[in-house]
Structure formats: C-alpha cells, structure tokens
Amino acid sequence: MGIIRKTISISTAGVIPFRNTDERTAKYTKQTRNAARAQVVQQGVNLDLQRQQLAALNHANTREEMRPNTTQANWYPDPGNPGYIRWYDGAQWTSHAQPANSPPPPPNY
C-alpha cells in the first residue's frame, strides 16, 4: 500500500495528500515532540552558559578581594590636583595635601 501511495503522490506532484488522519496526527506529534526536545536542549545550553558566567564573575570578585595592597603609606602626587602631593595611609587617600615643592613629614593622627 505504501508504494502505491508514493507512486500516486509523485504522479500528482504532491498536490493531493494521501495520508489518513492517524498518519497526519502521528507526523504532527513527532514534529512537536522533536521541537520540544530541541528547545529543552537549547535551554540547558543557555543555563550552562549562565552558570559559567556567574562562576567567572564570582571568581573575579574573590580574586579582587583577596589581592593584598602593596602600596605603602607615604606622600604621593595628588591624583586630583596636579602640583600637590597627598598623604596615602596604605589603604586610602587622606585629606592631607601639600604643595609638591617640599615633602613634609607624615601627618599626625
């Protein structure tokens, strides 16, 4: 029966459908199932990519937090005011600033 149906379909150039309702339902069900499987796979790939990006961000943040500060406390050129020097206490810039002509001793806290 399958060969006869294919022969008739080829002779009519596929204009006349020779599938019964059960065959059409089975074909549609198979296409829908395959599309759903492909969608699940794509969502899994997207989730893995998001997990990798989050892990990279968390790793970068941890690495940044653990980096020790190697800059010692001293007078340094003021980054916001050329021609001046500002006291850096080893962790942050202070409010103590002086003209760059002669470096004064460290400020008393």
C-alpha atoms as a PDB file:
ATOM      1  CA  MET A   1       0.000   0.000   0.000  1.00  0.00           C
ATOM      2  CA  GLY A   2       2.877   2.413   0.768  1.00  0.00           C
ATOM      3  CA  ILE A   3       4.427   2.082  -2.689  1.00  0.00           C
ATOM      4  CA  ILE A   4       1.110   2.717  -4.426  1.00  0.00           C
ATOM      5  CA  ARG A   5       0.511   5.821  -2.304  1.00  0.00           C
ATOM      6  CA  LYS A   6       4.022   7.143  -3.078  1.00  0.00           C
ATOM      7  CA  THR A   7       3.548   6.491  -6.784  1.00  0.00           C
ATOM      8  CA  ILE A   8       0.255   8.380  -6.847  1.00  0.00           C
ATOM      9  CA  SER A   9       1.759  11.232  -4.803  1.00  0.00           C
ATOM     10  CA  ILE A  10       4.704  11.544  -7.199  1.00  0.00           C
ATOM     11  CA  SER A  11       2.438  11.432 -10.258  1.00  0.00           C
ATOM     12  CA  THR A  12       0.281  14.259  -8.883  1.00  0.00           C
ATOM     13  CA  ALA A  13       3.395  16.265  -7.801  1.00  0.00           C
ATOM     14  CA  GLY A  14       2.286  16.118  -4.166  1.00  0.00           C
ATOM     15  CA  VAL A  15      -0.820  18.215  -4.776  1.00  0.00           C
ATOM     16  CA  ILE A  16      -3.169  15.573  -3.421  1.00  0.00           C
ATOM     17  CA  PRO A  17      -2.356  14.437   0.112  1.00  0.00           C
ATOM     18  CA  PHE A  18      -2.590  10.676   0.519  1.00  0.00           C
ATOM     19  CA  ARG A  19      -2.336  10.486   4.312  1.00  0.00           C
ATOM     20  CA  ASN A  20      -5.164   9.488   6.579  1.00  0.00           C
ATOM     21  CA  THR A  21      -5.974  11.270   9.849  1.00  0.00           C
ATOM     22  CA  ASP A  22      -3.974   8.887  12.019  1.00  0.00           C
ATOM     23  CA  GLU A  23      -0.842   9.306   9.885  1.00  0.00           C
ATOM     24  CA  ARG A  24      -1.166  13.101   9.920  1.00  0.00           C
ATOM     25  CA  THR A  25      -1.636  13.098  13.707  1.00  0.00           C
ATOM     26  CA  ALA A  26       1.402  10.849  14.180  1.00  0.00           C
ATOM     27  CA  LYS A  27       3.537  13.059  11.934  1.00  0.00           C
ATOM     28  CA  TYR A  28       2.432  16.229  13.751  1.00  0.00           C
ATOM     29  CA  THR A  29       3.026  14.597  17.145  1.00  0.00           C
ATOM     30  CA  LYS A  30       6.535  13.539  16.112  1.00  0.00           C
ATOM     31  CA  GLN A  31       7.389  17.029  14.828  1.00  0.00           C
ATOM     32  CA  THR A  32       6.073  18.646  18.019  1.00  0.00           C
ATOM     33  CA  ARG A  33       7.982  16.199  20.229  1.00  0.00           C
ATOM     34  CA  ASN A  34      11.224  16.794  18.319  1.00  0.00           C
ATOM     35  CA  ALA A  35      10.796  20.578  18.533  1.00  0.00           C
ATOM     36  CA  ALA A  36      10.177  20.352  22.292  1.00  0.00           C
ATOM     37  CA  ARG A  37      13.303  18.206  22.747  1.00  0.00           C
ATOM     38  CA  ALA A  38      15.387  20.691  20.782  1.00  0.00           C
ATOM     39  CA  GLN A  39      14.030  23.531  22.915  1.00  0.00           C
ATOM     40  CA  VAL A  40      14.922  21.688  26.144  1.00  0.00           C
ATOM     41  CA  VAL A  41      18.448  21.082  24.888  1.00  0.00           C
ATOM     42  CA  GLN A  42      18.853  24.751  23.950  1.00  0.00           C
ATOM     43  CA  GLN A  43      17.612  25.864  27.380  1.00  0.00           C
ATOM     44  CA  GLY A  44      20.124  23.511  29.016  1.00  0.00           C
ATOM     45  CA  VAL A  45      22.939  25.012  26.961  1.00  0.00           C
ATOM     46  CA  ASN A  46      21.831  28.535  27.933  1.00  0.00           C
ATOM     47  CA  LEU A  47      21.707  27.602  31.631  1.00  0.00           C
ATOM     48  CA  ASP A  48      25.208  26.105  31.477  1.00  0.00           C
ATOM     49  CA  LEU A  49      26.497  29.287  29.853  1.00  0.00           C
ATOM     50  CA  GLN A  50      24.873  31.423  32.559  1.00  0.00           C
ATOM     51  CA  ARG A  51      26.390  29.210  35.283  1.00  0.00           C
ATOM     52  CA  GLN A  52      29.841  29.589  33.732  1.00  0.00           C
ATOM     53  CA  GLN A  53      29.459  33.372  33.532  1.00  0.00           C
ATOM     54  CA  LEU A  54      28.337  33.581  37.176  1.00  0.00           C
ATOM     55  CA  ALA A  55      31.208  31.364  38.283  1.00  0.00           C
ATOM     56  CA  ALA A  56      33.669  33.560  36.377  1.00  0.00           C
ATOM     57  CA  LEU A  57      32.226  36.709  37.965  1.00  0.00           C
ATOM     58  CA  ASN A  58      32.324  35.187  41.453  1.00  0.00           C
ATOM     59  CA  HIS A  59      35.885  34.050  40.891  1.00  0.00           C
ATOM     60  CA  ALA A  60      36.901  37.508  39.672  1.00  0.00           C
ATOM     61  CA  ASN A  61      35.292  39.161  42.717  1.00  0.00           C
ATOM     62  CA  THR A  62      37.010  36.773  45.114  1.00  0.00           C
ATOM     63  CA  ARG A  63      40.335  37.282  43.426  1.00  0.00           C
ATOM     64  CA  GLU A  64      39.900  41.061  43.642  1.00  0.00           C
ATOM     65  CA  GLU A  65      39.029  40.952  47.348  1.00  0.00           C
ATOM     66  CA  MET A  66      41.972  38.736  48.216  1.00  0.00           C
ATOM     67  CA  ARG A  67      44.579  40.872  46.464  1.00  0.00           C
ATOM     68  CA  PRO A  68      46.791  42.496  49.112  1.00  0.00           C
ATOM     69  CA  ASN A  69      47.552  46.193  48.988  1.00  0.00           C
ATOM     70  CA  THR A  70      51.279  46.606  48.368  1.00  0.00           C
ATOM     71  CA  THR A  71      51.359  50.425  48.286  1.00  0.00           C
ATOM     72  CA  GLN A  72      52.979  51.737  51.445  1.00  0.00           C
ATOM     73  CA  ALA A  73      51.905  54.812  53.381  1.00  0.00           C
ATOM     74  CA  ASN A  74      53.747  57.885  52.045  1.00  0.00           C
ATOM     75  CA  TRP A  75      53.325  61.188  50.207  1.00  0.00           C
ATOM     76  CA  TYR A  76      52.391  60.687  46.556  1.00  0.00           C
ATOM     77  CA  PRO A  77      51.452  63.060  43.719  1.00  0.00           C
ATOM     78  CA  ASP A  78      47.832  64.079  44.221  1.00  0.00           C
ATOM     79  CA  PRO A  79      45.773  62.289  41.520  1.00  0.00           C
ATOM     80  CA  GLY A  80      43.104  65.012  41.525  1.00  0.00           C
ATOM     81  CA  ASN A  81      45.275  68.112  41.924  1.00  0.00           C
ATOM     82  CA  PRO A  82      48.483  68.449  39.838  1.00  0.00           C
ATOM     83  CA  GLY A  83      51.330  70.254  41.600  1.00  0.00           C
ATOM     84  CA  TYR A  84      50.316  68.908  45.020  1.00  0.00           C
ATOM     85  CA  ILE A  85      51.157  65.819  46.994  1.00  0.00           C
ATOM     86  CA  ARG A  86      48.679  63.930  49.151  1.00  0.00           C
ATOM     87  CA  TRP A  87      49.236  61.501  52.028  1.00  0.00           C
ATOM     88  CA  TYR A  88      48.261  57.899  51.280  1.00  0.00           C
ATOM     89  CA  ASP A  89      47.884  55.925  54.523  1.00  0.00           C
ATOM     90  CA  GLY A  90      48.329  52.490  52.943  1.00  0.00           C
ATOM     91  CA  ALA A  91      44.611  51.935  52.416  1.00  0.00           C
ATOM     92  CA  GLN A  92      43.129  55.224  51.182  1.00  0.00           C
ATOM     93  CA  TRP A  93      43.889  58.829  50.329  1.00  0.00           C
ATOM     94  CA  THR A  94      43.595  61.210  53.272  1.00  0.00           C
ATOM     95  CA  SER A  95      42.577  64.860  53.375  1.00  0.00           C
ATOM     96  CA  HIS A  96      46.196  65.963  53.992  1.00  0.00           C
ATOM     97  CA  ALA A  97      47.582  67.688  50.892  1.00  0.00           C
ATOM     98  CA  GLN A  98      50.600  69.990  50.434  1.00  0.00           C
ATOM     99  CA  PRO A  99      52.316  71.755  47.540  1.00  0.00           C
ATOM    100  CA  ALA A 100      54.780  69.451  45.830  1.00  0.00           C
ATOM    101  CA  ASN A 101      57.794  71.764  46.452  1.00  0.00           C
ATOM    102  CA  SER A 102      58.995  70.118  49.671  1.00  0.00           C
ATOM    103  CA  PRO A 103      57.578  66.931  51.113  1.00  0.00           C
ATOM    104  CA  PRO A 104      56.500  67.468  54.733  1.00  0.00           C
ATOM    105  CA  PRO A 105      56.717  64.729  57.383  1.00  0.00           C
ATOM    106  CA  PRO A 106      53.782  62.303  57.687  1.00  0.00           C
ATOM    107  CA  PRO A 107      50.703  63.830  59.304  1.00  0.00           C
ATOM    108  CA  ASN A 108      49.921  63.023  62.923  1.00  0.00           C
ATOM    109  CA  TYR A 109      46.649  61.257  63.525  1.00  0.00           C
END
